[in-house]
Protein backbone atom coordinates (compact mmCIF):
# COMPACT_ATOMS: atom_id res chain seq x y z
CA UNK A 1 -11.89 5.53 -20.60
CA UNK A 2 -10.47 3.45 -17.91
CA UNK A 3 -9.53 -0.76 -19.57
CA UNK A 4 -8.77 -3.61 -16.90
CA UNK A 5 -4.92 -3.83 -17.22
CA UNK A 6 -4.97 -6.64 -18.90
CA UNK A 7 -5.94 -4.82 -21.98
CA UNK A 8 -3.39 -2.10 -20.98
CA UNK A 9 -0.47 -3.90 -21.04
CA UNK A 10 -2.25 -5.68 -24.57
CA UNK A 11 -1.95 -2.00 -25.82
CA UNK A 12 1.46 -0.98 -24.06
CA UNK A 13 2.37 -4.24 -24.95
CA UNK A 14 1.88 -3.60 -28.87
CA UNK A 15 3.78 0.49 -28.41
CA UNK A 16 6.19 -1.74 -27.38
CA UNK A 17 7.00 -4.32 -30.64
CA UNK A 18 6.50 -0.90 -32.69
CA UNK A 19 9.42 1.06 -30.43
CA UNK A 20 6.74 4.09 -29.37
CA UNK A 21 6.49 2.98 -25.86
CA UNK A 22 6.68 6.53 -24.33
CA UNK A 23 9.47 7.46 -21.41
CA UNK A 24 6.35 8.26 -18.85
CA UNK A 25 2.73 6.66 -17.79
CA UNK A 26 0.95 6.97 -15.22
CA UNK A 27 -0.99 3.98 -14.37
CA UNK A 28 -4.40 5.32 -11.44
CA UNK A 29 -7.02 3.98 -10.56
CA UNK A 30 -8.64 2.16 -7.52
CA UNK A 31 -7.22 -0.08 -4.92
CA UNK A 32 -6.79 -4.16 -6.54
CA UNK A 33 -7.52 -2.26 -10.48
CA UNK A 34 -4.19 -3.92 -11.06
CA UNK A 35 -1.87 -1.21 -11.29
CA UNK A 36 1.61 -2.87 -9.56
CA UNK A 37 1.42 -6.03 -11.47
CA UNK A 38 0.65 -3.97 -14.73
CA UNK A 39 3.59 -1.89 -14.06
CA UNK A 40 5.97 -4.81 -13.01
CA UNK A 41 5.37 -6.58 -16.22
CA UNK A 42 5.59 -3.48 -18.83
CA UNK A 43 8.69 -3.89 -16.48
CA UNK A 44 10.27 -7.14 -17.76
CA UNK A 45 8.50 -6.76 -20.73
CA UNK A 46 11.30 -3.56 -21.84
CA UNK A 47 14.59 -5.09 -19.24
CA UNK A 48 13.27 -8.50 -21.19
CA UNK A 49 13.32 -10.79 -18.72
CA UNK A 50 10.87 -13.21 -15.55
CA UNK A 51 8.56 -10.79 -12.98
CA UNK A 52 10.38 -13.75 -10.60
CA UNK A 53 12.80 -11.60 -11.26
CA UNK A 54 11.37 -7.73 -10.19
CA UNK A 55 9.99 -8.78 -7.47
CA UNK A 56 12.85 -10.88 -6.10
CA UNK A 57 14.86 -9.33 -3.30
CA UNK A 58 18.43 -9.23 -5.80
CA UNK A 59 15.86 -7.47 -8.42
CA UNK A 60 17.63 -6.31 -11.46
CA UNK A 61 20.92 -4.87 -11.81
CA UNK A 62 18.81 -2.05 -14.69
CA UNK A 63 15.46 -1.89 -12.41
CA UNK A 64 14.54 0.09 -9.70
CA UNK A 65 11.03 1.15 -7.30
CA UNK A 66 10.76 4.33 -4.98
CA UNK A 67 7.86 4.24 -2.44
CA UNK A 68 6.64 6.28 0.95
CA UNK A 69 8.90 6.68 3.28
CA UNK A 70 9.04 8.08 6.34
CA UNK A 71 6.04 7.61 9.23
CA UNK A 72 4.26 10.38 6.59
CA UNK A 73 4.44 7.35 3.77
CA UNK A 74 5.32 10.84 1.62
CA UNK A 75 8.45 10.23 -1.56
CA UNK A 76 10.78 12.57 -0.20
CA UNK A 77 13.72 14.45 -1.95
CA UNK A 78 16.68 12.21 -0.75
CA UNK A 79 14.39 9.18 -2.59
CA UNK A 80 14.47 10.83 -5.52
CA UNK A 81 17.58 12.47 -5.45
CA UNK A 82 19.47 8.85 -5.22
CA UNK A 83 16.99 8.10 -8.06
CA UNK A 84 17.99 9.53 -10.46
CA UNK A 85 21.32 8.78 -9.61
CA UNK A 86 20.65 5.72 -10.48
CA UNK A 87 19.89 6.48 -13.32
CA UNK A 88 22.48 8.35 -14.67
CA UNK A 89 24.55 5.16 -15.14
CA UNK A 90 24.94 3.30 -18.27
CA UNK A 91 22.63 0.04 -18.52
CA UNK A 92 24.23 -2.83 -16.53
CA UNK A 93 23.00 -5.90 -19.38
CA UNK A 94 22.77 -3.00 -22.37
CA UNK A 95 18.89 -2.64 -23.22
CA UNK A 96 17.20 -1.00 -20.76
CA UNK A 97 16.79 2.02 -17.35
CA UNK A 98 13.18 1.13 -16.08
CA UNK A 99 11.84 2.75 -12.41
CA UNK A 100 8.23 2.59 -10.76
CA UNK A 101 6.87 5.01 -8.34
CA UNK A 102 4.38 3.98 -6.07
CA UNK A 103 1.66 6.03 -4.41
CA UNK A 104 3.08 9.40 -6.89
CA UNK A 105 -0.03 10.77 -5.19
CA UNK A 106 2.75 10.72 -1.83
CA UNK A 107 5.29 12.88 -3.40
CA UNK A 108 5.87 15.53 -0.80
CA UNK A 109 6.47 18.64 -2.64
CA UNK A 110 10.17 19.25 -2.54
CA UNK A 111 10.49 16.28 -4.19
CA UNK A 112 7.78 16.56 -6.56
CA UNK A 113 9.70 19.42 -8.01
CA UNK A 114 12.61 17.84 -7.93
CA UNK A 115 11.50 14.61 -9.78
CA UNK A 116 9.90 16.96 -12.40
CA UNK A 117 13.88 17.30 -13.52
CA UNK A 118 14.18 14.03 -14.11
CA UNK A 119 11.04 13.79 -16.40
CA UNK A 120 11.69 17.18 -18.07
CA UNK A 121 15.08 15.97 -19.24
CA UNK A 122 15.10 11.48 -19.24
CA UNK A 123 18.19 9.34 -19.21
CA UNK A 124 19.05 8.31 -22.39
CA UNK A 125 16.86 5.01 -23.17
CA UNK A 126 14.47 5.21 -19.21
CA UNK A 127 12.06 4.67 -18.60
CA UNK A 128 9.42 6.07 -15.53
CA UNK A 129 6.60 4.30 -13.95
CA UNK A 130 4.23 6.20 -11.75
CA UNK A 131 1.52 4.35 -10.02
CA UNK A 132 -1.27 6.11 -8.32
CA UNK A 133 -4.84 6.12 -6.60
CA UNK A 134 -5.81 9.99 -6.50
CA UNK A 135 -4.60 11.73 -9.83
CA UNK A 136 -5.96 15.25 -6.78
CA UNK A 137 -2.73 15.70 -5.12
CA UNK A 138 0.29 15.30 -8.01
CA UNK A 139 1.26 18.65 -9.60
CA UNK A 140 -0.21 19.28 -13.40
CA UNK A 141 2.85 20.27 -14.35
CA UNK A 142 3.90 16.07 -13.73
CA UNK A 143 0.44 15.52 -15.44
CA UNK A 144 1.44 16.70 -18.35
CA UNK A 145 4.19 15.19 -18.81
CA UNK A 146 2.73 11.00 -18.29
CA UNK A 147 0.92 9.16 -20.83
CA UNK A 148 -2.27 7.47 -18.34
CA UNK A 149 -3.35 4.87 -18.50
CA UNK A 150 -6.24 4.59 -16.39
CA UNK A 151 -7.42 1.09 -15.30
CA UNK A 152 -10.71 -0.28 -13.93
CA UNK A 153 -11.21 -3.78 -12.55
CA UNK A 154 -14.44 -6.28 -12.04
CA UNK A 155 -13.98 -8.62 -9.45
CA UNK A 156 -13.49 -7.21 -5.14
CA UNK A 157 -10.42 -7.28 -3.38
CA UNK A 158 -9.02 -10.11 -1.66
CA UNK A 159 -7.88 -9.42 2.10
CA UNK A 160 -4.70 -10.60 2.96
CA UNK A 161 -4.59 -13.06 5.96
CA UNK A 162 -3.04 -10.28 8.29
CA UNK A 163 -6.92 -8.82 7.15
CA UNK A 164 -9.11 -11.87 7.77
CA UNK A 165 -7.22 -13.13 11.06
CA UNK A 166 -8.06 -9.63 12.81
CA UNK A 167 -11.27 -9.66 11.63
CA UNK A 168 -12.18 -13.05 12.56
CA UNK A 169 -10.74 -12.17 16.17
CA UNK A 170 -13.44 -8.99 15.94
CA UNK A 171 -15.84 -11.60 15.90
CA UNK A 172 -15.22 -14.07 17.94
CA UNK A 173 -14.68 -11.75 20.92
CA UNK A 174 -17.34 -9.40 19.98
CA UNK A 175 -19.65 -12.92 21.65
CA UNK A 176 -17.89 -13.17 24.57
CA UNK A 177 -20.17 -12.26 27.42
CA UNK A 178 -17.00 -11.23 29.44
CA UNK A 179 -17.60 -7.40 29.18
CA UNK A 180 -15.97 -4.97 27.70
CA UNK A 181 -13.20 -3.77 29.29
CA UNK A 182 -11.64 -7.93 29.13
CA UNK A 183 -13.21 -8.17 25.47
CA UNK A 184 -10.45 -5.23 24.77
CA UNK A 185 -7.98 -6.80 26.11
CA UNK A 186 -7.87 -9.32 24.55
CA UNK A 187 -8.47 -8.20 20.78
CA UNK A 188 -5.96 -5.55 21.67
CA UNK A 189 -3.39 -7.79 22.97
CA UNK A 190 -3.94 -9.95 19.35
CA UNK A 191 -3.94 -6.96 17.49
CA UNK A 192 -0.67 -6.35 18.73
CA UNK A 193 0.44 -9.60 17.83
CA UNK A 194 -0.56 -9.85 15.08
CA UNK A 195 1.41 -5.75 14.05
CA UNK A 196 4.46 -7.21 15.64
CA UNK A 197 3.95 -9.91 13.13
CA UNK A 198 3.61 -7.49 10.11
CA UNK A 199 6.47 -5.31 10.88
CA UNK A 200 8.92 -8.31 11.79
CA UNK A 201 8.33 -9.47 7.79
CA UNK A 202 8.17 -5.82 6.84
CA UNK A 203 11.63 -5.16 9.08
CA UNK A 204 13.21 -9.04 6.93
CA UNK A 205 12.55 -6.98 3.47
CA UNK A 206 13.77 -3.38 4.07
CA UNK A 207 17.31 -5.92 5.18
CA UNK A 208 16.62 -8.07 2.01
CA UNK A 209 16.82 -5.15 -0.63
CA UNK A 210 19.89 -2.23 1.95
CA UNK A 211 21.67 -5.88 2.00
CA UNK A 212 20.71 -5.91 -2.47
CA UNK A 213 22.30 -2.63 -2.79
CA UNK A 214 25.08 -2.70 -0.43
CA UNK A 215 26.94 -5.84 -2.49
CA UNK A 216 25.52 -4.27 -5.46
CA UNK A 217 26.98 -0.62 -4.94
CA UNK A 218 29.58 -0.90 -2.20
CA UNK A 219 32.56 -0.34 -4.24
CA UNK A 220 31.80 1.63 -6.68
CA UNK A 221 30.28 4.51 -4.07
CA UNK A 222 31.16 6.13 -1.12
CA UNK A 223 29.89 5.41 2.66
CA UNK A 224 28.51 7.71 2.57
CA UNK A 225 25.71 7.31 -0.59
CA UNK A 226 25.88 3.19 1.70
CA UNK A 227 24.19 5.42 5.31
CA UNK A 228 21.84 7.51 3.74
CA UNK A 229 20.02 4.35 1.42
CA UNK A 230 20.01 2.55 4.99
CA UNK A 231 17.97 4.99 6.29
CA UNK A 232 16.08 5.32 3.08
CA UNK A 233 15.94 0.86 3.90
CA UNK A 234 15.04 2.21 7.61
CA UNK A 235 12.27 4.75 7.10
CA UNK A 236 10.94 2.61 3.97
CA UNK A 237 10.32 -0.69 6.64
CA UNK A 238 8.46 1.74 9.14
CA UNK A 239 6.03 2.69 5.40
CA UNK A 240 5.24 0.10 4.91
CA UNK A 241 4.47 -1.05 8.96
CA UNK A 242 2.24 1.49 8.98
CA UNK A 243 0.00 0.73 5.50
CA UNK A 244 -0.36 -2.78 6.92
CA UNK A 245 -2.05 -1.21 10.04
CA UNK A 246 -3.86 1.06 8.19
CA UNK A 247 -5.32 -1.89 5.92
CA UNK A 248 -5.91 -3.98 9.48
CA UNK A 249 -8.13 -0.90 10.71
CA UNK A 250 -9.88 -0.33 6.96
CA UNK A 251 -10.61 -4.28 7.14
CA UNK A 252 -13.09 -3.88 10.49
CA UNK A 253 -14.55 -0.91 8.78
CA UNK A 254 -15.29 -3.10 6.08
CA UNK A 255 -16.85 -5.43 7.99
CA UNK A 256 -18.60 -2.96 10.34
CA UNK A 257 -20.29 -1.46 6.87
CA UNK A 258 -21.25 -4.83 5.08
CA UNK A 259 -22.71 -5.78 8.54
CA UNK A 260 -24.74 -2.42 8.17
CA UNK A 261 -25.19 -3.46 3.99
CA UNK A 262 -26.48 -6.79 4.95
CA UNK A 263 -29.58 -5.27 7.48
CA UNK A 264 -30.36 -1.96 5.49
CA UNK A 265 -30.61 -3.40 2.69
CA UNK A 266 -31.49 -7.34 4.25
CA UNK A 267 -29.43 -8.95 1.31
CA UNK A 268 -27.71 -12.64 2.90
CA UNK A 269 -23.61 -12.50 3.11
CA UNK A 270 -21.81 -15.01 3.27
CA UNK A 271 -20.26 -13.21 6.36
CA UNK A 272 -20.22 -14.96 9.41
CA UNK A 273 -19.23 -11.60 11.18
CA UNK A 274 -21.84 -9.68 8.31
CA UNK A 275 -24.43 -11.45 9.43
CA UNK A 276 -23.80 -11.22 13.52
CA UNK A 277 -23.17 -7.09 13.07
CA UNK A 278 -26.34 -6.88 10.78
CA UNK A 279 -28.07 -7.34 14.88
CA UNK A 280 -26.65 -4.30 15.83
CA UNK A 281 -28.35 -1.11 15.29
CA UNK A 282 -27.92 0.92 12.87
CA UNK A 283 -26.57 4.25 14.53
CA UNK A 284 -24.30 1.66 16.53
CA UNK A 285 -22.80 0.26 13.74
CA UNK A 286 -21.40 4.18 12.20
CA UNK A 287 -20.63 5.39 15.32
CA UNK A 288 -18.14 1.79 15.22
CA UNK A 289 -17.08 2.73 11.48
CA UNK A 290 -16.74 6.95 13.26
CA UNK A 291 -14.18 5.61 15.95
CA UNK A 292 -12.22 3.40 13.98
CA UNK A 293 -12.31 6.69 11.09
CA UNK A 294 -10.88 8.56 13.82
CA UNK A 295 -7.71 5.60 15.16
CA UNK A 296 -6.69 6.14 11.68
CA UNK A 297 -6.40 9.62 11.60
CA UNK A 298 -4.89 9.75 15.23
CA UNK A 299 -2.77 6.50 14.53
CA UNK A 300 -1.28 9.25 11.18
CA UNK A 301 -0.70 11.69 13.36
CA UNK A 302 1.91 9.74 16.03
CA UNK A 303 -1.00 8.94 18.72
CA UNK A 304 1.54 5.85 20.81
CA UNK A 305 -0.07 2.87 19.24
CA UNK A 306 -1.48 1.02 22.02
CA UNK A 307 -3.43 3.80 24.39
CA UNK A 308 -5.29 4.77 20.57
CA UNK A 309 -6.06 1.40 19.97
CA UNK A 310 -7.66 0.87 23.92
CA UNK A 311 -9.90 3.60 24.30
CA UNK A 312 -10.58 2.92 20.55
CA UNK A 313 -12.26 -0.55 20.71
CA UNK A 314 -13.29 -0.13 24.53
CA UNK A 315 -15.91 2.55 23.21
CA UNK A 316 -16.63 0.50 20.56
CA UNK A 317 -16.97 -3.41 22.93
CA UNK A 318 -18.97 -1.14 24.92
CA UNK A 319 -21.74 0.18 22.87
CA UNK A 320 -22.03 -3.62 21.18
CA UNK A 321 -25.72 -4.43 23.00
CA UNK A 322 -24.79 -7.89 23.90
CA UNK A 323 -28.71 -9.35 23.68
CA UNK A 324 -28.30 -7.92 19.60
CA UNK A 325 -25.31 -10.42 19.57
CA UNK A 326 -25.17 -13.25 20.65
CA UNK A 327 -27.12 -16.14 17.98
CA UNK A 328 -30.23 -17.28 19.29
CA UNK A 329 -30.18 -20.35 19.05
């Protein structure tokens, strides 16, 4: 039975108090269900520290996090080997060690098989927390070795500031009577400006984490380990950027879908962009959503970003009937 994150935390806290925590949990649920927050709260409970410590760049010496890297957004075998190396070390604080595996449904096959060994023979005083949106792509052997914690959420996921900015600019460009080519040029330029800021933020985060690991482990490991960690940090930066870019396009798809719902169901939407889009024919909105899905697939396989954006949005703005979208006074 799926739980709210706060209820799941109560059960886990009770198990911790009774010293009955399992060594591996798989927390799964839709985006916005609170998987990351729950995992961080559980880790803080086990490590007897504040959540803020786990969220900072310096982090906690016994806290480790793994997430998809590279342009394919996969957890690769090098990350698993690095994690195993860290978990085999003695706890620095004398409490326990916790590793959170974000997007555990994105394991590369060889990485999943390597991680299985850690699940089967976990180091002493080690807790593994896997997070996933879907269970379909996770190996059955991994599923069978984890206690599953299914989550659901009542509230709609809140858009990020970058996503709101992209939707706002899309709305602005839709109302410009300057032609599809000019609309496309203006929108793509703003879209890429937002993307550049996302990439800069991802680079800063990866750089801070690399510096933290270098400071912590440089004296206790050889140069090859630091070099490998630098490669992982670079790949993590690229992965984070790809994830954020995917979210921006998804926000536009949601915007178009909201316009479709507003028109088809005759509901009153508080979103001005949805009200504007509701004036367009249903068929056009559906085609535009399909174009954005195609754009995401092209970007995922490494198609030139600028070219893919320009082709997609030129098509979208070309099929938008001006008379249907300009509000009448």
